[in-house]
Amino acid sequence: MKALLEALTLHYKCEAKELEALLAFHKAEYALEAEFVFRTAAFHKAESTFHMTESDFLKTESVFRKAEEAFRKAQRKRIEARKRFKIKFLGLNLIF
């Protein structure tokens, strides 16, 4: 009877150790999974920030191109006005 009790005690101690090991494994597994979720969230946040920055850059570039086109248009008008002024000025000189 004593041998049976010792065998059962040893069996349950081994089973307890196995359950402790399984618990430790699951804790580690959940910790890794939580770390993965955290890093994935951080990655997606960074990716989102990048796309927002990229979007802002494209908007800024668009505004710059529009401003550049407006500047070129103003330059053309200034050159045309200068030509008209020279023609009028030469015309006045011819009259005098």
N, C-alpha and C. Protein backbone atom coordinates (compact mmCIF):
# COMPACT_ATOMS: atom_id res chain seq x y z
N MET A 1 0.82 -1.19 0.00
CA MET A 1 0.00 0.00 0.00
C MET A 1 0.87 1.26 0.00
N LYS A 2 1.94 1.18 0.81
CA LYS A 2 2.85 2.31 0.88
C LYS A 2 3.49 2.57 -0.48
N ALA A 3 3.84 1.53 -1.19
CA ALA A 3 4.46 1.66 -2.51
C ALA A 3 3.47 2.29 -3.49
N LEU A 4 2.20 1.89 -3.38
CA LEU A 4 1.17 2.46 -4.24
C LEU A 4 1.00 3.95 -3.98
N LEU A 5 0.98 4.34 -2.70
CA LEU A 5 0.88 5.76 -2.34
C LEU A 5 2.08 6.55 -2.84
N GLU A 6 3.26 5.96 -2.72
CA GLU A 6 4.47 6.64 -3.19
C GLU A 6 4.42 6.80 -4.72
N ALA A 7 3.94 5.75 -5.40
CA ALA A 7 3.85 5.81 -6.86
C ALA A 7 2.84 6.87 -7.29
N LEU A 8 1.67 6.92 -6.63
CA LEU A 8 0.67 7.93 -6.95
C LEU A 8 1.18 9.34 -6.64
N THR A 9 1.87 9.49 -5.51
CA THR A 9 2.44 10.79 -5.14
C THR A 9 3.44 11.24 -6.20
N LEU A 10 4.29 10.34 -6.62
CA LEU A 10 5.29 10.65 -7.65
C LEU A 10 4.60 11.01 -8.97
N HIS A 11 3.56 10.24 -9.31
CA HIS A 11 2.80 10.49 -10.54
C HIS A 11 2.19 11.90 -10.52
N TYR A 12 1.54 12.25 -9.41
CA TYR A 12 0.89 13.57 -9.32
C TYR A 12 1.91 14.70 -9.25
N LYS A 13 3.07 14.44 -8.64
CA LYS A 13 4.13 15.45 -8.63
C LYS A 13 4.64 15.70 -10.04
N CYS A 14 4.81 14.62 -10.79
CA CYS A 14 5.25 14.75 -12.19
C CYS A 14 4.19 15.48 -13.01
N GLU A 15 2.93 15.13 -12.76
CA GLU A 15 1.84 15.79 -13.47
C GLU A 15 1.79 17.28 -13.12
N ALA A 16 2.03 17.59 -11.84
CA ALA A 16 2.05 19.00 -11.41
C ALA A 16 3.20 19.75 -12.10
N LYS A 17 4.36 19.10 -12.18
CA LYS A 17 5.51 19.72 -12.86
C LYS A 17 5.20 19.94 -14.35
N GLU A 18 4.53 18.94 -14.95
CA GLU A 18 4.16 19.05 -16.36
C GLU A 18 3.19 20.22 -16.56
N LEU A 19 2.22 20.35 -15.66
CA LEU A 19 1.27 21.46 -15.76
C LEU A 19 1.95 22.81 -15.53
N GLU A 20 2.92 22.87 -14.62
CA GLU A 20 3.69 24.09 -14.39
C GLU A 20 4.48 24.47 -15.65
N ALA A 21 5.09 23.46 -16.27
CA ALA A 21 5.85 23.69 -17.50
C ALA A 21 4.92 24.17 -18.62
N LEU A 22 3.74 23.54 -18.70
CA LEU A 22 2.76 23.93 -19.73
C LEU A 22 2.29 25.36 -19.48
N LEU A 23 2.05 25.70 -18.22
CA LEU A 23 1.64 27.06 -17.87
C LEU A 23 2.74 28.06 -18.24
N ALA A 24 3.99 27.72 -17.92
CA ALA A 24 5.11 28.61 -18.27
C ALA A 24 5.22 28.77 -19.79
N PHE A 25 5.00 27.66 -20.50
CA PHE A 25 5.03 27.72 -21.97
C PHE A 25 3.95 28.66 -22.49
N HIS A 26 2.73 28.54 -21.99
CA HIS A 26 1.63 29.39 -22.45
C HIS A 26 1.86 30.85 -22.07
N LYS A 27 2.42 31.09 -20.89
CA LYS A 27 2.75 32.46 -20.50
C LYS A 27 3.74 33.07 -21.48
N ALA A 28 4.77 32.29 -21.81
CA ALA A 28 5.78 32.77 -22.76
C ALA A 28 5.15 32.97 -24.15
N GLU A 29 4.29 32.06 -24.54
CA GLU A 29 3.61 32.15 -25.83
C GLU A 29 2.74 33.42 -25.89
N TYR A 30 1.99 33.67 -24.83
CA TYR A 30 1.13 34.86 -24.79
C TYR A 30 1.97 36.13 -24.75
N ALA A 31 3.09 36.08 -24.04
CA ALA A 31 3.98 37.25 -23.99
C ALA A 31 4.53 37.55 -25.39
N LEU A 32 4.93 36.49 -26.10
CA LEU A 32 5.43 36.68 -27.47
C LEU A 32 4.33 37.21 -28.38
N GLU A 33 3.14 36.67 -28.22
CA GLU A 33 2.01 37.11 -29.04
C GLU A 33 1.67 38.58 -28.74
N ALA A 34 1.70 38.94 -27.46
CA ALA A 34 1.44 40.33 -27.09
C ALA A 34 2.51 41.25 -27.66
N GLU A 35 3.76 40.82 -27.60
CA GLU A 35 4.86 41.61 -28.16
C GLU A 35 4.67 41.77 -29.67
N PHE A 36 4.27 40.67 -30.32
CA PHE A 36 4.03 40.73 -31.77
C PHE A 36 2.91 41.71 -32.09
N VAL A 37 1.82 41.64 -31.34
CA VAL A 37 0.69 42.55 -31.56
C VAL A 37 1.13 44.00 -31.33
N PHE A 38 1.90 44.24 -30.27
CA PHE A 38 2.39 45.58 -29.97
C PHE A 38 3.27 46.09 -31.10
N ARG A 39 4.20 45.26 -31.55
CA ARG A 39 5.11 45.68 -32.63
C ARG A 39 4.35 45.87 -33.94
N THR A 40 3.37 45.01 -34.20
CA THR A 40 2.58 45.16 -35.41
C THR A 40 1.80 46.48 -35.37
N ALA A 41 1.22 46.79 -34.22
CA ALA A 41 0.50 48.05 -34.07
C ALA A 41 1.45 49.23 -34.26
N ALA A 42 2.63 49.14 -33.69
CA ALA A 42 3.62 50.22 -33.83
C ALA A 42 4.02 50.36 -35.30
N PHE A 43 4.19 49.23 -35.98
CA PHE A 43 4.54 49.26 -37.40
C PHE A 43 3.44 49.93 -38.22
N HIS A 44 2.18 49.53 -37.95
CA HIS A 44 1.07 50.12 -38.71
C HIS A 44 0.93 51.61 -38.42
N LYS A 45 1.20 52.01 -37.19
CA LYS A 45 1.15 53.43 -36.85
C LYS A 45 2.24 54.18 -37.62
N ALA A 46 3.43 53.62 -37.64
CA ALA A 46 4.54 54.25 -38.38
C ALA A 46 4.23 54.29 -39.87
N GLU A 47 3.65 53.21 -40.37
CA GLU A 47 3.29 53.16 -41.79
C GLU A 47 2.24 54.23 -42.11
N SER A 48 1.26 54.36 -41.22
CA SER A 48 0.22 55.36 -41.40
C SER A 48 0.82 56.77 -41.37
N THR A 49 1.73 57.00 -40.44
CA THR A 49 2.40 58.30 -40.36
C THR A 49 3.18 58.57 -41.64
N PHE A 50 3.85 57.52 -42.16
CA PHE A 50 4.60 57.68 -43.40
C PHE A 50 3.67 58.07 -44.54
N HIS A 51 2.52 57.38 -44.64
CA HIS A 51 1.60 57.69 -45.73
C HIS A 51 1.03 59.10 -45.58
N MET A 52 0.76 59.52 -44.32
CA MET A 52 0.28 60.88 -44.10
C MET A 52 1.36 61.88 -44.51
N THR A 53 2.61 61.59 -44.16
CA THR A 53 3.72 62.47 -44.53
C THR A 53 3.89 62.50 -46.03
N GLU A 54 3.77 61.33 -46.65
CA GLU A 54 3.87 61.25 -48.11
C GLU A 54 2.75 62.05 -48.76
N SER A 55 1.55 61.93 -48.21
CA SER A 55 0.40 62.68 -48.71
C SER A 55 0.63 64.19 -48.57
N ASP A 56 1.13 64.60 -47.40
CA ASP A 56 1.44 66.02 -47.19
C ASP A 56 2.49 66.49 -48.19
N PHE A 57 3.48 65.65 -48.44
CA PHE A 57 4.53 66.00 -49.40
C PHE A 57 3.94 66.20 -50.79
N LEU A 58 3.06 65.26 -51.18
CA LEU A 58 2.45 65.37 -52.52
C LEU A 58 1.58 66.62 -52.62
N LYS A 59 0.85 66.94 -51.54
CA LYS A 59 0.04 68.16 -51.53
C LYS A 59 0.93 69.39 -51.64
N THR A 60 2.02 69.40 -50.88
CA THR A 60 2.96 70.52 -50.92
C THR A 60 3.58 70.65 -52.30
N GLU A 61 3.93 69.51 -52.88
CA GLU A 61 4.51 69.52 -54.23
C GLU A 61 3.51 70.07 -55.23
N SER A 62 2.24 69.70 -55.08
CA SER A 62 1.19 70.21 -55.97
C SER A 62 1.05 71.72 -55.83
N VAL A 63 1.04 72.20 -54.59
CA VAL A 63 0.95 73.64 -54.34
C VAL A 63 2.17 74.35 -54.93
N PHE A 64 3.34 73.75 -54.78
CA PHE A 64 4.57 74.34 -55.33
C PHE A 64 4.47 74.42 -56.84
N ARG A 65 4.00 73.37 -57.48
CA ARG A 65 3.88 73.37 -58.95
C ARG A 65 2.89 74.44 -59.41
N LYS A 66 1.78 74.58 -58.69
CA LYS A 66 0.81 75.62 -59.05
C LYS A 66 1.42 77.00 -58.89
N ALA A 67 2.18 77.19 -57.81
CA ALA A 67 2.83 78.48 -57.58
C ALA A 67 3.88 78.74 -58.66
N GLU A 68 4.60 77.70 -59.03
CA GLU A 68 5.62 77.83 -60.08
C GLU A 68 4.96 78.20 -61.41
N GLU A 69 3.84 77.57 -61.71
CA GLU A 69 3.11 77.88 -62.95
C GLU A 69 2.59 79.31 -62.92
N ALA A 70 2.07 79.74 -61.78
CA ALA A 70 1.58 81.12 -61.64
C ALA A 70 2.75 82.10 -61.82
N PHE A 71 3.92 81.77 -61.29
CA PHE A 71 5.10 82.63 -61.44
C PHE A 71 5.49 82.73 -62.91
N ARG A 72 5.51 81.60 -63.60
CA ARG A 72 5.85 81.61 -65.04
C ARG A 72 4.84 82.41 -65.83
N LYS A 73 3.57 82.27 -65.48
CA LYS A 73 2.52 83.02 -66.16
C LYS A 73 2.72 84.53 -65.93
N ALA A 74 3.05 84.89 -64.71
CA ALA A 74 3.31 86.30 -64.39
C ALA A 74 4.54 86.80 -65.14
N GLN A 75 5.56 85.96 -65.26
CA GLN A 75 6.75 86.35 -66.02
C GLN A 75 6.39 86.60 -67.48
N ARG A 76 5.59 85.70 -68.06
CA ARG A 76 5.17 85.88 -69.47
C ARG A 76 4.40 87.19 -69.63
N LYS A 77 3.49 87.48 -68.70
CA LYS A 77 2.72 88.72 -68.78
C LYS A 77 3.64 89.93 -68.65
N ARG A 78 4.64 89.84 -67.78
CA ARG A 78 5.58 90.95 -67.60
C ARG A 78 6.38 91.18 -68.89
N ILE A 79 6.80 90.09 -69.53
CA ILE A 79 7.55 90.20 -70.78
C ILE A 79 6.68 90.79 -71.87
N GLU A 80 5.43 90.34 -71.94
CA GLU A 80 4.49 90.88 -72.94
C GLU A 80 4.24 92.37 -72.69
N ALA A 81 4.05 92.73 -71.42
CA ALA A 81 3.82 94.14 -71.09
C ALA A 81 5.04 94.98 -71.46
N ARG A 82 6.20 94.43 -71.21
CA ARG A 82 7.44 95.15 -71.55
C ARG A 82 7.55 95.36 -73.06
N LYS A 83 7.18 94.31 -73.82
CA LYS A 83 7.21 94.42 -75.29
C LYS A 83 6.23 95.50 -75.74
N ARG A 84 5.02 95.48 -75.15
CA ARG A 84 4.01 96.49 -75.52
C ARG A 84 4.51 97.90 -75.18
N PHE A 85 5.17 98.03 -74.02
CA PHE A 85 5.69 99.33 -73.63
C PHE A 85 6.75 99.79 -74.62
N LYS A 86 7.65 98.88 -75.03
CA LYS A 86 8.69 99.25 -75.99
C LYS A 86 8.07 99.66 -77.31
N ILE A 87 7.05 98.92 -77.74
CA ILE A 87 6.40 99.26 -79.01
C ILE A 87 5.75 100.63 -78.91
N LYS A 88 5.04 100.90 -77.80
CA LYS A 88 4.42 102.21 -77.61
C LYS A 88 5.48 103.29 -77.53
N PHE A 89 6.56 103.01 -76.80
CA PHE A 89 7.62 103.99 -76.64
C PHE A 89 8.28 104.28 -77.99
N LEU A 90 8.53 103.25 -78.77
CA LEU A 90 9.12 103.45 -80.11
C LEU A 90 8.13 104.18 -81.00
N GLY A 91 6.86 103.87 -80.86
CA GLY A 91 5.83 104.56 -81.66
C GLY A 91 5.79 106.04 -81.32
N LEU A 92 5.93 106.37 -80.05
CA LEU A 92 5.96 107.78 -79.64
C LEU A 92 7.18 108.48 -80.18
N ASN A 93 8.32 107.77 -80.19
CA ASN A 93 9.54 108.35 -80.73
C ASN A 93 9.39 108.59 -82.23
N LEU A 94 8.70 107.72 -82.89
CA LEU A 94 8.52 107.88 -84.33
C LEU A 94 7.61 109.07 -84.64
N ILE A 95 6.63 109.30 -83.76
CA ILE A 95 5.71 110.42 -83.97
C ILE A 95 6.46 111.75 -83.77
N PHE A 96 7.32 111.76 -82.73
CA PHE A 96 8.03 113.00 -82.48
C PHE A 96 9.07 113.15 -83.53
